């Protein structure tokens, strides 16, 4: 019996600690569910914004190369 108790007491303590950590989450499960539901829309917005940034940035490499080329031509040799 002592062997079993020595095994179960620490497990009970850990379980009790884990439950205490989960209580705030369980108490606001509806709020968490609502927030999770917002993620899909926010992900779509993020994807659209990323596409916009990509479109805006697309000409930059050529512009940088052009400016660099002109700077090289303008510098003394």
Foldseek 3Di string as FASTA:
>chain_A
DVVVCVVVVVVVVVVVVVVVVCVVCVVCVVVVVVVVVCVVVVVVVVVVVVVVVCVVCVCVVVVVVVVVVVVVVPDDD
